[in-house]
Protein backbone atom coordinates (compact mmCIF):
# COMPACT_ATOMS: atom_id res chain seq x y z
CA LEU A 1 -31.05 -177.86 -112.75
CA ALA A 2 -29.57 -181.46 -112.07
CA ALA A 3 -28.48 -182.14 -115.64
CA SER A 4 -24.69 -182.41 -116.12
CA GLY A 5 -24.78 -179.84 -119.09
CA ASN A 6 -26.30 -177.04 -117.10
CA THR A 7 -23.09 -174.99 -116.77
CA GLY A 8 -24.29 -172.44 -119.18
CA LEU A 9 -27.21 -171.34 -116.89
CA THR A 10 -27.01 -167.61 -115.80
CA THR A 11 -27.73 -166.62 -112.08
CA GLU A 12 -31.11 -165.43 -113.21
CA ASP A 13 -31.81 -168.78 -114.86
CA ARG A 14 -31.02 -170.57 -111.75
CA ALA A 15 -33.26 -168.17 -109.88
CA ARG A 16 -36.12 -168.61 -112.10
CA LEU A 17 -35.72 -172.41 -112.18
CA ASN A 18 -35.60 -172.78 -108.48
CA PHE A 19 -38.57 -170.67 -108.01
CA ALA A 20 -40.49 -172.96 -110.41
CA LEU A 21 -39.15 -175.99 -108.66
CA GLY A 22 -40.23 -174.67 -105.37
CA LEU A 23 -43.81 -174.16 -106.61
CA ALA A 24 -43.92 -177.62 -107.96
CA HIS A 25 -42.63 -179.06 -104.62
CA GLU A 26 -45.18 -176.90 -102.72
CA ARG A 27 -48.11 -178.06 -104.93
CA ASN A 28 -47.08 -181.64 -104.28
CA GLY A 29 -46.97 -181.09 -100.51
CA ASN A 30 -43.19 -181.45 -100.24
CA PHE A 31 -42.76 -178.22 -98.04
CA GLU A 32 -39.25 -178.88 -96.85
CA ASP A 33 -38.02 -179.27 -100.50
CA ALA A 34 -40.25 -176.33 -101.56
CA PHE A 35 -38.63 -173.94 -98.95
CA GLN A 36 -35.04 -175.10 -99.82
CA ALA A 37 -35.62 -174.53 -103.56
CA ILE A 38 -37.17 -171.10 -103.02
CA GLU A 39 -34.40 -170.12 -100.50
CA THR A 40 -31.79 -171.07 -103.16
CA ALA A 41 -33.83 -169.07 -105.88
CA ASN A 42 -33.85 -165.98 -103.59
CA GLN A 43 -30.16 -166.33 -103.04
CA ASN A 44 -29.49 -166.25 -106.68
CA ALA A 45 -31.99 -163.40 -107.28
CA ALA A 46 -30.80 -161.21 -104.40
CA PRO A 47 -28.74 -158.05 -105.33
CA GLN A 48 -25.23 -157.48 -103.74
CA SER A 49 -26.59 -154.64 -101.78
CA PHE A 50 -29.88 -153.47 -100.40
CA ALA A 51 -28.78 -150.00 -99.93
CA SER A 52 -31.01 -148.53 -102.67
CA ASP A 53 -34.11 -149.97 -100.91
CA GLN A 54 -32.93 -148.39 -97.65
CA GLN A 55 -32.36 -145.16 -99.39
CA LEU A 56 -36.01 -145.32 -100.79
CA GLU A 57 -37.27 -145.68 -97.29
CA LYS A 58 -35.33 -142.63 -96.09
CA VAL A 59 -36.85 -140.70 -99.04
CA ALA A 60 -40.28 -141.86 -98.02
CA LEU A 61 -39.83 -140.70 -94.46
CA GLY A 62 -38.59 -137.34 -95.72
CA ILE A 63 -41.78 -137.03 -97.87
CA ALA A 64 -43.73 -137.92 -94.98
CA ASP A 65 -41.96 -135.45 -92.63
CA HIS A 66 -42.33 -132.63 -95.20
CA PHE A 67 -45.83 -133.09 -96.45
CA THR A 68 -47.85 -132.57 -93.29
CA LYS A 69 -51.56 -131.90 -93.41
CA ALA A 70 -51.09 -128.21 -93.07
CA ARG A 71 -48.42 -128.15 -95.80
CA LEU A 72 -50.63 -130.22 -98.25
CA ALA A 73 -53.53 -127.76 -97.38
CA GLN A 74 -51.32 -124.81 -98.46
CA LEU A 75 -50.25 -126.54 -101.68
CA ALA A 76 -53.72 -127.68 -102.77
CA PRO A 77 -54.28 -124.59 -105.06
CA ALA A 78 -51.22 -125.71 -107.07
CA GLY A 79 -52.60 -129.28 -107.66
CA HIS A 80 -54.79 -130.44 -110.56
CA ALA A 81 -58.61 -130.13 -110.05
CA SER A 82 -59.23 -133.63 -111.51
CA GLN A 83 -60.86 -136.16 -109.12
CA GLN A 84 -60.35 -138.91 -111.56
CA PRO A 85 -57.38 -140.57 -109.94
CA VAL A 86 -57.86 -143.33 -107.49
CA PHE A 87 -54.38 -144.60 -106.13
CA VAL A 88 -54.46 -148.25 -104.82
CA SER A 89 -51.27 -149.47 -103.02
CA GLY A 90 -49.82 -151.68 -100.52
CA LEU A 91 -47.13 -154.22 -100.23
CA PRO A 92 -46.59 -156.69 -103.19
CA ARG A 93 -48.90 -159.57 -102.86
CA SER A 94 -51.15 -157.84 -100.44
CA GLY A 95 -54.25 -157.97 -102.48
CA THR A 96 -53.97 -154.69 -104.43
CA THR A 97 -54.87 -156.33 -107.82
CA LEU A 98 -58.04 -157.58 -106.18
CA VAL A 99 -58.99 -153.97 -104.96
CA GLU A 100 -58.15 -152.60 -108.31
CA GLN A 101 -60.35 -155.15 -110.13
CA VAL A 102 -63.24 -154.15 -107.74
CA ILE A 103 -63.10 -150.66 -108.68
CA ALA A 104 -62.38 -151.14 -112.39
CA SER A 105 -65.43 -153.42 -112.58
CA HIS A 106 -67.62 -150.30 -112.08
CA SER A 107 -69.03 -149.14 -115.29
CA ASP A 108 -67.78 -145.64 -114.70
CA ALA A 109 -64.23 -146.60 -113.68
CA ALA A 110 -61.14 -147.96 -115.58
CA SER A 111 -57.57 -149.12 -114.58
CA LEU A 112 -54.12 -148.10 -115.69
CA GLY A 113 -52.57 -151.13 -114.09
CA GLU A 114 -49.11 -150.61 -112.29
CA LEU A 115 -48.34 -147.35 -113.63
CA GLU A 116 -45.43 -146.52 -111.42
CA LEU A 117 -45.04 -143.15 -112.86
CA ILE A 118 -44.71 -140.95 -109.67
CA PRO A 119 -41.14 -142.10 -108.95
CA TYR A 120 -40.03 -140.57 -112.33
CA LEU A 121 -41.77 -137.19 -111.66
CA LYS A 122 -40.42 -137.05 -108.22
CA GLN A 123 -37.66 -134.54 -108.81
CA SER A 124 -40.13 -132.06 -110.46
CA LEU A 125 -42.75 -132.44 -107.71
CA VAL A 126 -40.29 -131.84 -104.81
CA SER A 127 -39.42 -128.41 -106.33
CA LEU A 128 -43.00 -127.36 -105.42
CA ARG A 129 -43.42 -124.92 -108.29
CA SER A 130 -47.02 -124.60 -109.32
CA ARG A 131 -46.21 -124.98 -113.02
CA ASP A 132 -44.14 -128.20 -112.40
CA ILE A 133 -46.74 -129.83 -110.23
CA ASN A 134 -49.42 -129.12 -112.82
CA ARG A 135 -47.25 -130.46 -115.62
CA CYS A 136 -46.68 -133.65 -113.68
CA ALA A 137 -50.41 -134.06 -113.05
CA GLU A 138 -50.97 -133.54 -116.76
CA ALA A 139 -48.37 -136.27 -117.50
CA TRP A 140 -50.29 -138.63 -115.22
CA LEU A 141 -53.61 -137.86 -116.98
CA ALA A 142 -51.99 -138.31 -120.47
CA THR A 143 -51.57 -142.04 -119.68
CA ILE A 144 -55.29 -142.59 -119.66
CA PRO A 145 -56.10 -144.50 -122.87
CA GLY A 146 -58.55 -142.58 -125.25
CA PRO A 147 -61.58 -144.87 -124.54
CA ASP A 148 -61.31 -144.32 -120.91
CA THR A 149 -60.72 -140.54 -120.77
CA GLY A 150 -64.42 -139.87 -119.96
CA LYS A 151 -64.47 -142.38 -116.91
CA ALA A 152 -65.36 -140.79 -113.67
CA ARG A 153 -62.40 -142.65 -111.85
CA ILE A 154 -59.11 -144.13 -113.14
CA VAL A 155 -57.18 -146.49 -110.92
CA ASP A 156 -53.36 -146.44 -110.58
CA LYS A 157 -52.35 -149.69 -108.81
CA SER A 158 -48.63 -148.82 -108.03
CA ILE A 159 -46.74 -150.23 -105.06
CA SER A 160 -44.58 -147.24 -104.75
CA THR A 161 -47.61 -144.98 -103.93
CA VAL A 162 -47.34 -145.99 -100.41
CA LEU A 163 -43.80 -144.45 -100.30
CA HIS A 164 -44.87 -141.33 -102.39
CA ALA A 165 -48.31 -140.72 -101.25
CA GLY A 166 -47.52 -137.11 -100.33
CA LEU A 167 -46.37 -136.35 -103.88
CA ALA A 168 -49.73 -137.96 -105.32
CA MET A 169 -51.54 -135.61 -102.93
CA VAL A 170 -49.62 -132.60 -104.23
CA MET A 171 -50.53 -133.50 -107.81
CA PHE A 172 -54.21 -134.36 -107.05
CA PRO A 173 -55.72 -132.70 -103.95
CA ARG A 174 -59.09 -134.43 -104.83
CA ALA A 175 -57.70 -137.85 -105.41
CA ARG A 176 -58.79 -140.95 -103.46
CA PHE A 177 -56.39 -143.49 -101.95
CA VAL A 178 -56.92 -147.09 -100.97
CA PHE A 179 -54.29 -148.82 -98.80
CA VAL A 180 -54.50 -152.64 -98.80
CA ARG A 181 -53.23 -154.59 -95.77
CA ARG A 182 -52.76 -158.44 -95.45
CA HIS A 183 -51.35 -160.63 -92.60
CA PRO A 184 -47.69 -160.12 -92.77
CA MET A 185 -46.87 -163.88 -92.73
CA ASP A 186 -49.02 -164.24 -95.77
CA VAL A 187 -47.36 -161.24 -97.48
CA PHE A 188 -43.94 -162.55 -96.53
CA TRP A 189 -44.47 -166.02 -97.99
CA SER A 190 -46.33 -164.98 -101.07
CA ALA A 191 -43.67 -162.35 -101.94
CA TYR A 192 -40.59 -164.57 -100.98
CA ARG A 193 -41.68 -167.36 -103.35
CA GLU A 194 -41.97 -165.17 -106.58
CA MET A 195 -39.53 -163.84 -108.99
CA PHE A 196 -40.57 -160.22 -109.69
CA GLY A 197 -38.00 -159.52 -112.40
CA THR A 198 -34.51 -158.20 -112.74
CA ASN A 199 -33.89 -155.26 -110.24
CA ALA A 200 -37.66 -155.26 -109.36
CA LEU A 201 -38.71 -155.36 -105.70
CA THR A 202 -35.35 -156.62 -104.78
CA PHE A 203 -36.26 -156.37 -101.01
CA THR A 204 -38.41 -159.39 -101.52
CA TYR A 205 -35.16 -161.68 -102.03
CA ALA A 206 -33.88 -161.62 -98.64
CA PRO A 207 -35.80 -162.26 -95.27
CA GLU A 208 -34.43 -159.51 -93.34
CA ALA A 209 -34.94 -157.06 -96.06
CA LEU A 210 -38.49 -158.17 -96.65
CA VAL A 211 -39.24 -158.13 -92.96
CA ARG A 212 -37.92 -154.59 -92.80
CA ARG A 213 -40.03 -153.46 -95.71
CA ILE A 214 -43.18 -155.01 -94.22
CA ARG A 215 -42.60 -153.21 -90.94
CA PHE A 216 -41.80 -149.96 -92.71
CA SER A 217 -44.69 -150.04 -95.01
CA GLU A 218 -47.12 -150.77 -92.11
CA HIS A 219 -45.60 -147.55 -90.36
CA ILE A 220 -45.81 -145.31 -93.40
CA MET A 221 -49.38 -146.42 -94.38
CA SER A 222 -50.52 -145.77 -90.83
CA THR A 223 -48.88 -142.36 -90.77
CA TRP A 224 -50.72 -141.24 -93.95
CA GLN A 225 -54.00 -142.80 -93.02
CA SER A 226 -54.18 -141.20 -89.62
CA ARG A 227 -53.64 -137.74 -91.16
CA PHE A 228 -56.01 -138.22 -94.01
CA PRO A 229 -58.79 -140.65 -92.90
CA ASP A 230 -61.16 -138.90 -95.20
CA ARG A 231 -59.05 -139.52 -98.26
CA ILE A 232 -57.25 -142.74 -97.50
CA LEU A 233 -59.35 -145.95 -96.92
CA ALA A 234 -57.38 -148.76 -95.37
CA VAL A 235 -58.91 -152.29 -96.14
CA ARG A 236 -57.77 -155.79 -95.25
CA TYR A 237 -57.50 -158.50 -97.89
CA GLU A 238 -59.02 -161.09 -95.47
CA ASP A 239 -62.03 -159.08 -95.05
CA ILE A 240 -62.64 -158.56 -98.85
CA VAL A 241 -62.23 -162.40 -99.23
CA SER A 242 -64.73 -163.28 -96.33
CA ASN A 243 -67.19 -160.35 -97.00
CA PRO A 244 -66.74 -159.36 -100.59
CA GLU A 245 -70.08 -157.56 -101.15
CA ILE A 246 -69.77 -155.38 -97.99
CA GLU A 247 -66.19 -154.64 -98.53
CA SER A 248 -66.70 -153.94 -102.38
CA ARG A 249 -69.47 -151.47 -101.59
CA LYS A 250 -67.27 -149.65 -98.97
CA ILE A 251 -64.39 -149.36 -101.48
CA ILE A 252 -66.66 -148.13 -104.27
CA ALA A 253 -68.37 -145.65 -101.87
CA HIS A 254 -65.03 -144.29 -100.92
CA THR A 255 -64.20 -143.42 -104.55
CA GLY A 256 -67.38 -141.52 -104.75
CA LEU A 257 -68.91 -143.68 -107.30
């Protein structure tokens, strides 16, 4: 970054290098320098507008308003009968990967990783035609690798599921959900100091946008969890770390394994 011949660096190059520099400073205990480098990195990585993130939140509110408990009960016959899906979701850097690994470590479970398929099926799902709902569910099931098709539970660890929980419930009325929470300051710093990729999780690149999404996600998770406490388990990252066996057993029991 300091070299005289670095004029050819792209904005993304500068972002990635500053994220790396910030991590190096943090590991060496130079916290002021670390924050300065990471702040510069985020300024390089941030999009010109966060309108798409705000629009996504509006869509999520619309889904939550439409798919009430009564409405989802009416739509249940149109959904797929499979109870294989387990949707793990939460904010980025909240501990979703840890929960995914807990479930996938079970001998009768496997994981698809971060599938992020539901946003691409959204238009067909909101039509609410039985044929389309079933086709979307079949498309999700088709992503399961051959060796894992016989597993009792398949984990989809997608961040977007928090925003589209109603659509997942339409597809799979018997699916289980795990929402992961972590202290907001830990989520903030862990997400703010990382480069997620071009046009990915862009809200993490500005403090105001990141705080907004943390607040919004907490609201939307609480909304769904209060409606479906039998289908949605809320866990805290800190509890899993401090009491791994107790919390792991609770998570596994929730999946029905």
